[in-house]
All heavy atoms as atom14 arrays in JSON, in Angstrom:
{
  "sequence": "PCHKGFFDIYGKNIKGPPPKPLKSYEVKEVPDGLLISRKAQGK",
  "atom14_mask": [
    [1, 1, 1, 1, 1, 1, 1, 0, 0, 0, 0, 0, 0, 0],
    [1, 1, 1, 1, 1, 1, 0, 0, 0, 0, 0, 0, 0, 0],
    [1, 1, 1, 1, 1, 1, 1, 1, 1, 1, 0, 0, 0, 0],
    [1, 1, 1, 1, 1, 1, 1, 1, 1, 0, 0, 0, 0, 0],
    [1, 1, 1, 1, 0, 0, 0, 0, 0, 0, 0, 0, 0, 0],
    [1, 1, 1, 1, 1, 1, 1, 1, 1, 1, 1, 0, 0, 0],
    [1, 1, 1, 1, 1, 1, 1, 1, 1, 1, 1, 0, 0, 0],
    [1, 1, 1, 1, 1, 1, 1, 1, 0, 0, 0, 0, 0, 0],
    [1, 1, 1, 1, 1, 1, 1, 1, 0, 0, 0, 0, 0, 0],
    [1, 1, 1, 1, 1, 1, 1, 1, 1, 1, 1, 1, 0, 0],
    [1, 1, 1, 1, 0, 0, 0, 0, 0, 0, 0, 0, 0, 0],
    [1, 1, 1, 1, 1, 1, 1, 1, 1, 0, 0, 0, 0, 0],
    [1, 1, 1, 1, 1, 1, 1, 1, 0, 0, 0, 0, 0, 0],
    [1, 1, 1, 1, 1, 1, 1, 1, 0, 0, 0, 0, 0, 0],
    [1, 1, 1, 1, 1, 1, 1, 1, 1, 0, 0, 0, 0, 0],
    [1, 1, 1, 1, 0, 0, 0, 0, 0, 0, 0, 0, 0, 0],
    [1, 1, 1, 1, 1, 1, 1, 0, 0, 0, 0, 0, 0, 0],
    [1, 1, 1, 1, 1, 1, 1, 0, 0, 0, 0, 0, 0, 0],
    [1, 1, 1, 1, 1, 1, 1, 0, 0, 0, 0, 0, 0, 0],
    [1, 1, 1, 1, 1, 1, 1, 1, 1, 0, 0, 0, 0, 0],
    [1, 1, 1, 1, 1, 1, 1, 0, 0, 0, 0, 0, 0, 0],
    [1, 1, 1, 1, 1, 1, 1, 1, 0, 0, 0, 0, 0, 0],
    [1, 1, 1, 1, 1, 1, 1, 1, 1, 0, 0, 0, 0, 0],
    [1, 1, 1, 1, 1, 1, 0, 0, 0, 0, 0, 0, 0, 0],
    [1, 1, 1, 1, 1, 1, 1, 1, 1, 1, 1, 1, 0, 0],
    [1, 1, 1, 1, 1, 1, 1, 1, 1, 0, 0, 0, 0, 0],
    [1, 1, 1, 1, 1, 1, 1, 0, 0, 0, 0, 0, 0, 0],
    [1, 1, 1, 1, 1, 1, 1, 1, 1, 0, 0, 0, 0, 0],
    [1, 1, 1, 1, 1, 1, 1, 1, 1, 0, 0, 0, 0, 0],
    [1, 1, 1, 1, 1, 1, 1, 0, 0, 0, 0, 0, 0, 0],
    [1, 1, 1, 1, 1, 1, 1, 0, 0, 0, 0, 0, 0, 0],
    [1, 1, 1, 1, 1, 1, 1, 1, 0, 0, 0, 0, 0, 0],
    [1, 1, 1, 1, 0, 0, 0, 0, 0, 0, 0, 0, 0, 0],
    [1, 1, 1, 1, 1, 1, 1, 1, 0, 0, 0, 0, 0, 0],
    [1, 1, 1, 1, 1, 1, 1, 1, 0, 0, 0, 0, 0, 0],
    [1, 1, 1, 1, 1, 1, 1, 1, 0, 0, 0, 0, 0, 0],
    [1, 1, 1, 1, 1, 1, 0, 0, 0, 0, 0, 0, 0, 0],
    [1, 1, 1, 1, 1, 1, 1, 1, 1, 1, 1, 0, 0, 0],
    [1, 1, 1, 1, 1, 1, 1, 1, 1, 0, 0, 0, 0, 0],
    [1, 1, 1, 1, 1, 0, 0, 0, 0, 0, 0, 0, 0, 0],
    [1, 1, 1, 1, 1, 1, 1, 1, 1, 0, 0, 0, 0, 0],
    [1, 1, 1, 1, 0, 0, 0, 0, 0, 0, 0, 0, 0, 0],
    [1, 1, 1, 1, 1, 1, 1, 1, 1, 0, 0, 0, 0, 0]
  ],
  "atom14_positions": [
    [[0.73, -1.13, 0.04], [-0.01, -0.02, -0.04], [0.83, 1.21, 0.07], [0.32, 2.35, -0.35], [-0.8, -0.17, 1.34], [0.03, -1.01, 2.17], [0.71, -1.97, 1.22], [0.0, 0.0, 0.0], [0.0, 0.0, 0.0], [0.0, 0.0, 0.0], [0.0, 0.0, 0.0], [0.0, 0.0, 0.0], [0.0, 0.0, 0.0], [0.0, 0.0, 0.0]],
    [[2.17, 1.22, 0.36], [2.89, 2.43, 0.43], [3.25, 3.17, -0.85], [2.96, 4.35, -0.96], [4.27, 2.07, 1.04], [4.12, 1.52, 2.83], [0.0, 0.0, 0.0], [0.0, 0.0, 0.0], [0.0, 0.0, 0.0], [0.0, 0.0, 0.0], [0.0, 0.0, 0.0], [0.0, 0.0, 0.0], [0.0, 0.0, 0.0], [0.0, 0.0, 0.0]],
    [[3.59, 2.32, -1.87], [3.95, 2.95, -3.13], [3.32, 2.11, -4.24], [3.84, 2.26, -5.44], [5.42, 3.12, -3.37], [6.09, 4.0, -2.26], [6.76, 3.34, -1.23], [6.08, 5.35, -2.15], [7.21, 4.36, -0.44], [6.87, 5.46, -0.94], [0.0, 0.0, 0.0], [0.0, 0.0, 0.0], [0.0, 0.0, 0.0], [0.0, 0.0, 0.0]],
    [[2.24, 1.47, -4.12], [1.55, 0.86, -5.19], [2.36, -0.2, -5.84], [2.39, -0.29, -7.12], [0.85, 1.66, -6.19], [-0.06, 2.73, -5.64], [-1.33, 2.08, -5.14], [-2.23, 3.15, -4.61], [-3.06, 2.72, -3.49], [0.0, 0.0, 0.0], [0.0, 0.0, 0.0], [0.0, 0.0, 0.0], [0.0, 0.0, 0.0], [0.0, 0.0, 0.0]],
    [[3.05, -0.96, -5.14], [3.86, -2.25, -5.56], [2.98, -3.43, -5.68], [2.0, -3.61, -4.83], [0.0, 0.0, 0.0], [0.0, 0.0, 0.0], [0.0, 0.0, 0.0], [0.0, 0.0, 0.0], [0.0, 0.0, 0.0], [0.0, 0.0, 0.0], [0.0, 0.0, 0.0], [0.0, 0.0, 0.0], [0.0, 0.0, 0.0], [0.0, 0.0, 0.0]],
    [[2.99, -4.24, -6.68], [2.21, -5.5, -6.84], [3.15, -6.7, -7.08], [4.16, -6.52, -7.74], [1.3, -5.37, -7.95], [0.23, -4.23, -7.67], [0.51, -2.93, -7.99], [-1.01, -4.57, -7.17], [-0.5, -1.98, -7.77], [-1.95, -3.51, -6.88], [-1.7, -2.26, -7.15], [0.0, 0.0, 0.0], [0.0, 0.0, 0.0], [0.0, 0.0, 0.0]],
    [[2.76, -7.77, -6.53], [3.5, -9.08, -6.67], [2.34, -10.09, -7.06], [1.19, -9.87, -6.66], [4.06, -9.47, -5.37], [5.12, -8.49, -4.83], [4.7, -7.35, -4.12], [6.4, -8.6, -5.13], [5.52, -6.59, -3.46], [7.4, -7.72, -4.55], [6.89, -6.61, -3.89], [0.0, 0.0, 0.0], [0.0, 0.0, 0.0], [0.0, 0.0, 0.0]],
    [[2.84, -11.08, -7.83], [1.88, -12.2, -8.09], [1.77, -13.1, -6.78], [2.48, -12.93, -5.95], [2.27, -12.87, -9.35], [3.53, -13.8, -9.2], [3.99, -14.08, -8.14], [3.94, -14.27, -10.28], [0.0, 0.0, 0.0], [0.0, 0.0, 0.0], [0.0, 0.0, 0.0], [0.0, 0.0, 0.0], [0.0, 0.0, 0.0], [0.0, 0.0, 0.0]],
    [[0.93, -14.15, -6.89], [0.74, -15.13, -5.74], [2.01, -15.73, -5.2], [2.11, -16.14, -4.11], [-0.4, -15.9, -6.05], [-0.96, -16.54, -4.81], [0.02, -17.06, -6.95], [-2.34, -17.18, -4.87], [0.0, 0.0, 0.0], [0.0, 0.0, 0.0], [0.0, 0.0, 0.0], [0.0, 0.0, 0.0], [0.0, 0.0, 0.0], [0.0, 0.0, 0.0]],
    [[2.93, -15.77, -6.08], [4.28, -16.47, -5.77], [5.37, -15.51, -5.36], [6.54, -15.91, -5.27], [4.81, -17.39, -6.9], [3.69, -18.51, -7.21], [2.86, -18.39, -8.27], [3.57, -19.56, -6.39], [1.95, -19.39, -8.67], [2.61, -20.54, -6.57], [1.88, -20.5, -7.68], [0.83, -21.4, -7.89], [0.0, 0.0, 0.0], [0.0, 0.0, 0.0]],
    [[5.02, -14.23, -5.25], [5.92, -13.23, -4.78], [6.68, -12.48, -5.99], [7.53, -11.6, -5.49], [0.0, 0.0, 0.0], [0.0, 0.0, 0.0], [0.0, 0.0, 0.0], [0.0, 0.0, 0.0], [0.0, 0.0, 0.0], [0.0, 0.0, 0.0], [0.0, 0.0, 0.0], [0.0, 0.0, 0.0], [0.0, 0.0, 0.0], [0.0, 0.0, 0.0]],
    [[6.44, -12.89, -7.17], [7.19, -12.16, -8.34], [6.7, -10.66, -8.35], [5.59, -10.42, -8.43], [7.0, -12.89, -9.6], [7.79, -12.38, -10.7], [7.58, -13.03, -12.02], [8.26, -12.28, -13.11], [7.79, -12.7, -14.47], [0.0, 0.0, 0.0], [0.0, 0.0, 0.0], [0.0, 0.0, 0.0], [0.0, 0.0, 0.0], [0.0, 0.0, 0.0]],
    [[7.67, -9.76, -8.48], [7.21, -8.38, -8.59], [6.68, -8.22, -10.02], [7.34, -8.48, -11.09], [8.31, -7.39, -8.34], [9.73, -7.77, -8.89], [9.94, -9.04, -9.1], [10.54, -6.86, -9.27], [0.0, 0.0, 0.0], [0.0, 0.0, 0.0], [0.0, 0.0, 0.0], [0.0, 0.0, 0.0], [0.0, 0.0, 0.0], [0.0, 0.0, 0.0]],
    [[5.46, -7.56, -10.1], [4.8, -7.43, -11.45], [4.41, -6.07, -11.83], [4.41, -5.75, -13.03], [3.63, -8.43, -11.57], [2.62, -8.17, -10.39], [3.96, -9.92, -11.55], [1.33, -8.97, -10.47], [0.0, 0.0, 0.0], [0.0, 0.0, 0.0], [0.0, 0.0, 0.0], [0.0, 0.0, 0.0], [0.0, 0.0, 0.0], [0.0, 0.0, 0.0]],
    [[4.3, -5.14, -10.88], [4.0, -3.72, -11.23], [4.59, -2.93, -10.12], [4.51, -3.32, -8.82], [2.48, -3.61, -11.24], [1.77, -4.13, -12.43], [0.33, -3.7, -12.44], [-0.53, -4.8, -11.68], [-1.94, -4.63, -11.77], [0.0, 0.0, 0.0], [0.0, 0.0, 0.0], [0.0, 0.0, 0.0], [0.0, 0.0, 0.0], [0.0, 0.0, 0.0]],
    [[4.84, -1.69, -10.46], [5.24, -0.69, -9.41], [6.72, -0.65, -9.06], [7.54, -1.36, -9.77], [0.0, 0.0, 0.0], [0.0, 0.0, 0.0], [0.0, 0.0, 0.0], [0.0, 0.0, 0.0], [0.0, 0.0, 0.0], [0.0, 0.0, 0.0], [0.0, 0.0, 0.0], [0.0, 0.0, 0.0], [0.0, 0.0, 0.0], [0.0, 0.0, 0.0]],
    [[7.17, -0.08, -7.99], [8.58, 0.2, -7.77], [9.27, -1.03, -7.15], [10.65, -1.02, -7.15], [8.63, 1.29, -6.89], [7.23, 1.36, -6.32], [6.32, 0.76, -7.18], [0.0, 0.0, 0.0], [0.0, 0.0, 0.0], [0.0, 0.0, 0.0], [0.0, 0.0, 0.0], [0.0, 0.0, 0.0], [0.0, 0.0, 0.0], [0.0, 0.0, 0.0]],
    [[8.79, -2.01, -6.66], [9.52, -3.1, -5.93], [10.69, -3.67, -6.98], [10.24, -4.16, -8.06], [8.59, -4.1, -5.54], [7.34, -3.4, -5.28], [7.29, -2.32, -6.49], [0.0, 0.0, 0.0], [0.0, 0.0, 0.0], [0.0, 0.0, 0.0], [0.0, 0.0, 0.0], [0.0, 0.0, 0.0], [0.0, 0.0, 0.0], [0.0, 0.0, 0.0]],
    [[11.96, -3.58, -6.63], [13.0, -4.02, -7.49], [13.21, -5.51, -7.6], [13.84, -6.06, -8.53], [14.18, -3.37, -6.92], [13.95, -3.25, -5.5], [12.42, -3.08, -5.28], [0.0, 0.0, 0.0], [0.0, 0.0, 0.0], [0.0, 0.0, 0.0], [0.0, 0.0, 0.0], [0.0, 0.0, 0.0], [0.0, 0.0, 0.0], [0.0, 0.0, 0.0]],
    [[12.77, -6.4, -6.6], [12.84, -7.75, -6.47], [11.69, -8.36, -6.05], [10.76, -7.88, -5.33], [14.06, -7.98, -5.35], [15.33, -7.44, -5.69], [16.47, -7.81, -4.66], [16.11, -7.48, -3.38], [17.15, -7.74, -2.25], [0.0, 0.0, 0.0], [0.0, 0.0, 0.0], [0.0, 0.0, 0.0], [0.0, 0.0, 0.0], [0.0, 0.0, 0.0]],
    [[11.6, -9.81, -6.22], [10.53, -10.5, -5.77], [10.53, -10.61, -4.19], [11.6, -10.37, -3.54], [10.84, -11.96, -6.25], [11.81, -11.85, -7.38], [12.55, -10.6, -6.99], [0.0, 0.0, 0.0], [0.0, 0.0, 0.0], [0.0, 0.0, 0.0], [0.0, 0.0, 0.0], [0.0, 0.0, 0.0], [0.0, 0.0, 0.0], [0.0, 0.0, 0.0]],
    [[9.43, -11.08, -3.53], [9.4, -11.33, -2.21], [10.12, -12.64, -1.8], [10.1, -13.6, -2.63], [7.9, -11.44, -1.77], [7.04, -10.12, -1.83], [5.64, -10.54, -1.57], [7.58, -9.0, -0.94], [0.0, 0.0, 0.0], [0.0, 0.0, 0.0], [0.0, 0.0, 0.0], [0.0, 0.0, 0.0], [0.0, 0.0, 0.0], [0.0, 0.0, 0.0]],
    [[10.73, -12.72, -0.73], [11.43, -13.99, -0.4], [10.42, -14.95, -0.11], [9.27, -14.72, 0.56], [12.23, -13.67, 0.86], [13.01, -14.86, 1.37], [13.73, -14.46, 2.72], [14.3, -15.66, 3.4], [14.95, -15.46, 4.71], [0.0, 0.0, 0.0], [0.0, 0.0, 0.0], [0.0, 0.0, 0.0], [0.0, 0.0, 0.0], [0.0, 0.0, 0.0]],
    [[10.68, -16.2, -0.53], [9.65, -17.29, -0.32], [10.23, -18.38, 0.69], [11.43, -18.46, 0.86], [9.32, -17.97, -1.7], [10.6, -18.53, -2.22], [0.0, 0.0, 0.0], [0.0, 0.0, 0.0], [0.0, 0.0, 0.0], [0.0, 0.0, 0.0], [0.0, 0.0, 0.0], [0.0, 0.0, 0.0], [0.0, 0.0, 0.0], [0.0, 0.0, 0.0]],
    [[9.29, -19.03, 1.28], [9.62, -20.1, 2.28], [8.97, -21.38, 1.78], [8.1, -21.36, 1.12], [8.97, -19.61, 3.59], [9.61, -18.33, 4.2], [9.03, -17.12, 3.97], [10.73, -18.43, 4.93], [9.59, -16.05, 4.5], [11.41, -17.27, 5.49], [10.76, -16.01, 5.15], [11.31, -14.83, 5.89], [0.0, 0.0, 0.0], [0.0, 0.0, 0.0]],
    [[9.6, -22.41, 2.28], [9.12, -23.79, 2.08], [8.04, -23.93, 3.01], [8.1, -23.67, 4.15], [10.23, -24.76, 2.13], [9.86, -26.17, 1.73], [11.05, -27.07, 1.81], [12.14, -26.69, 1.38], [10.78, -28.26, 2.2], [0.0, 0.0, 0.0], [0.0, 0.0, 0.0], [0.0, 0.0, 0.0], [0.0, 0.0, 0.0], [0.0, 0.0, 0.0]],
    [[6.88, -24.63, 2.65], [5.82, -24.89, 3.44], [5.52, -26.49, 3.33], [5.48, -27.08, 2.26], [4.52, -24.31, 3.05], [3.35, -24.69, 4.03], [4.64, -22.75, 2.98], [0.0, 0.0, 0.0], [0.0, 0.0, 0.0], [0.0, 0.0, 0.0], [0.0, 0.0, 0.0], [0.0, 0.0, 0.0], [0.0, 0.0, 0.0], [0.0, 0.0, 0.0]],
    [[5.58, -27.23, 4.52], [5.3, -28.65, 4.6], [4.12, -28.81, 5.55], [4.14, -28.36, 6.68], [6.59, -29.4, 5.1], [7.57, -29.67, 4.22], [8.57, -30.55, 4.83], [9.88, -30.58, 4.12], [10.87, -31.36, 4.82], [0.0, 0.0, 0.0], [0.0, 0.0, 0.0], [0.0, 0.0, 0.0], [0.0, 0.0, 0.0], [0.0, 0.0, 0.0]],
    [[3.23, -29.68, 5.24], [2.08, -30.09, 6.02], [2.77, -31.35, 6.9], [3.36, -32.19, 6.26], [0.9, -30.48, 5.42], [0.23, -29.34, 4.69], [-1.18, -29.75, 4.26], [-2.05, -30.26, 4.96], [-1.37, -29.45, 3.04], [0.0, 0.0, 0.0], [0.0, 0.0, 0.0], [0.0, 0.0, 0.0], [0.0, 0.0, 0.0], [0.0, 0.0, 0.0]],
    [[2.54, -31.19, 8.23], [3.09, -32.11, 9.06], [1.8, -32.63, 9.89], [0.92, -31.9, 9.96], [4.2, -31.71, 10.04], [5.46, -31.5, 9.15], [3.87, -30.51, 10.77], [0.0, 0.0, 0.0], [0.0, 0.0, 0.0], [0.0, 0.0, 0.0], [0.0, 0.0, 0.0], [0.0, 0.0, 0.0], [0.0, 0.0, 0.0], [0.0, 0.0, 0.0]],
    [[1.94, -33.82, 10.54], [0.77, -34.32, 11.19], [0.1, -33.2, 12.27], [-1.12, -33.23, 12.35], [1.25, -35.46, 12.07], [2.57, -35.97, 11.23], [3.14, -34.74, 10.59], [0.0, 0.0, 0.0], [0.0, 0.0, 0.0], [0.0, 0.0, 0.0], [0.0, 0.0, 0.0], [0.0, 0.0, 0.0], [0.0, 0.0, 0.0], [0.0, 0.0, 0.0]],
    [[0.87, -32.49, 12.85], [0.17, -31.54, 13.85], [0.47, -30.02, 13.43], [0.49, -29.36, 14.34], [0.82, -31.8, 15.25], [2.35, -31.74, 15.25], [2.96, -31.95, 14.19], [2.97, -31.67, 16.42], [0.0, 0.0, 0.0], [0.0, 0.0, 0.0], [0.0, 0.0, 0.0], [0.0, 0.0, 0.0], [0.0, 0.0, 0.0], [0.0, 0.0, 0.0]],
    [[0.46, -29.76, 12.06], [0.52, -28.42, 11.75], [1.14, -28.15, 10.45], [1.2, -29.01, 9.65], [0.0, 0.0, 0.0], [0.0, 0.0, 0.0], [0.0, 0.0, 0.0], [0.0, 0.0, 0.0], [0.0, 0.0, 0.0], [0.0, 0.0, 0.0], [0.0, 0.0, 0.0], [0.0, 0.0, 0.0], [0.0, 0.0, 0.0], [0.0, 0.0, 0.0]],
    [[1.74, -26.97, 10.21], [2.42, -26.56, 9.03], [3.81, -26.13, 9.49], [4.05, -25.5, 10.48], [1.87, -25.34, 8.43], [0.73, -25.44, 7.64], [0.13, -24.06, 6.94], [0.73, -26.56, 6.52], [0.0, 0.0, 0.0], [0.0, 0.0, 0.0], [0.0, 0.0, 0.0], [0.0, 0.0, 0.0], [0.0, 0.0, 0.0], [0.0, 0.0, 0.0]],
    [[4.82, -26.59, 8.81], [6.27, -26.22, 9.06], [6.69, -25.3, 7.99], [6.72, -25.63, 6.71], [7.04, -27.55, 9.0], [8.51, -27.36, 9.53], [8.49, -26.87, 11.09], [9.2, -28.62, 9.4], [0.0, 0.0, 0.0], [0.0, 0.0, 0.0], [0.0, 0.0, 0.0], [0.0, 0.0, 0.0], [0.0, 0.0, 0.0], [0.0, 0.0, 0.0]],
    [[7.1, -24.09, 8.27], [7.42, -23.14, 7.42], [8.92, -22.94, 7.63], [9.36, -22.75, 8.73], [6.83, -21.71, 7.66], [5.34, -21.8, 7.95], [7.13, -20.81, 6.55], [4.53, -22.27, 6.85], [0.0, 0.0, 0.0], [0.0, 0.0, 0.0], [0.0, 0.0, 0.0], [0.0, 0.0, 0.0], [0.0, 0.0, 0.0], [0.0, 0.0, 0.0]],
    [[9.74, -23.04, 6.59], [11.16, -23.08, 6.7], [11.78, -22.27, 5.48], [11.37, -22.06, 4.5], [11.76, -24.34, 6.77], [11.45, -25.19, 5.7], [0.0, 0.0, 0.0], [0.0, 0.0, 0.0], [0.0, 0.0, 0.0], [0.0, 0.0, 0.0], [0.0, 0.0, 0.0], [0.0, 0.0, 0.0], [0.0, 0.0, 0.0], [0.0, 0.0, 0.0]],
    [[13.06, -21.72, 5.89], [14.02, -21.0, 4.89], [14.26, -22.16, 3.8], [14.37, -23.24, 4.01], [15.1, -20.58, 5.48], [15.01, -19.61, 6.4], [16.52, -19.19, 7.01], [16.39, -18.38, 8.19], [16.37, -17.11, 8.18], [16.43, -16.42, 7.06], [16.2, -16.38, 9.21], [0.0, 0.0, 0.0], [0.0, 0.0, 0.0], [0.0, 0.0, 0.0]],
    [[14.21, -21.63, 2.52], [14.63, -22.43, 1.4], [16.19, -22.57, 1.45], [16.86, -21.56, 1.88], [14.17, -21.88, 0.09], [12.58, -22.06, -0.07], [12.27, -21.61, -1.42], [10.82, -21.89, -1.53], [10.36, -21.83, -3.03], [0.0, 0.0, 0.0], [0.0, 0.0, 0.0], [0.0, 0.0, 0.0], [0.0, 0.0, 0.0], [0.0, 0.0, 0.0]],
    [[16.71, -23.72, 0.99], [18.12, -23.82, 0.9], [18.56, -22.91, -0.13], [17.9, -22.64, -1.08], [18.46, -25.38, 0.55], [0.0, 0.0, 0.0], [0.0, 0.0, 0.0], [0.0, 0.0, 0.0], [0.0, 0.0, 0.0], [0.0, 0.0, 0.0], [0.0, 0.0, 0.0], [0.0, 0.0, 0.0], [0.0, 0.0, 0.0], [0.0, 0.0, 0.0]],
    [[19.85, -22.58, -0.01], [20.55, -21.85, -1.08], [20.42, -22.42, -2.37], [20.54, -23.58, -2.56], [22.01, -21.63, -0.74], [22.27, -20.82, 0.56], [21.93, -19.45, 0.41], [21.84, -18.87, -0.69], [21.68, -18.81, 1.53], [0.0, 0.0, 0.0], [0.0, 0.0, 0.0], [0.0, 0.0, 0.0], [0.0, 0.0, 0.0], [0.0, 0.0, 0.0]],
    [[20.15, -21.71, -3.46], [20.1, -22.19, -4.72], [18.64, -22.53, -5.15], [18.37, -22.89, -6.23], [0.0, 0.0, 0.0], [0.0, 0.0, 0.0], [0.0, 0.0, 0.0], [0.0, 0.0, 0.0], [0.0, 0.0, 0.0], [0.0, 0.0, 0.0], [0.0, 0.0, 0.0], [0.0, 0.0, 0.0], [0.0, 0.0, 0.0], [0.0, 0.0, 0.0]],
    [[17.75, -22.54, -4.28], [16.3, -22.91, -4.59], [15.47, -21.65, -5.01], [15.8, -20.53, -4.56], [15.59, -23.59, -3.42], [15.97, -24.99, -3.22], [14.98, -25.57, -2.19], [15.16, -27.07, -2.12], [14.32, -27.64, -1.1], [0.0, 0.0, 0.0], [0.0, 0.0, 0.0], [0.0, 0.0, 0.0], [0.0, 0.0, 0.0], [0.0, 0.0, 0.0]]
  ]
}
């Protein structure tokens, strides 16, 4: 909302001033919840 930047649902910058995509995380469903983790280098 600050400067009308837009990203697609996967975090890719598509309109406005943002110079890079949003950082993404890995999501795994586990028996008792969701595990959100940093992606390994190179992913």
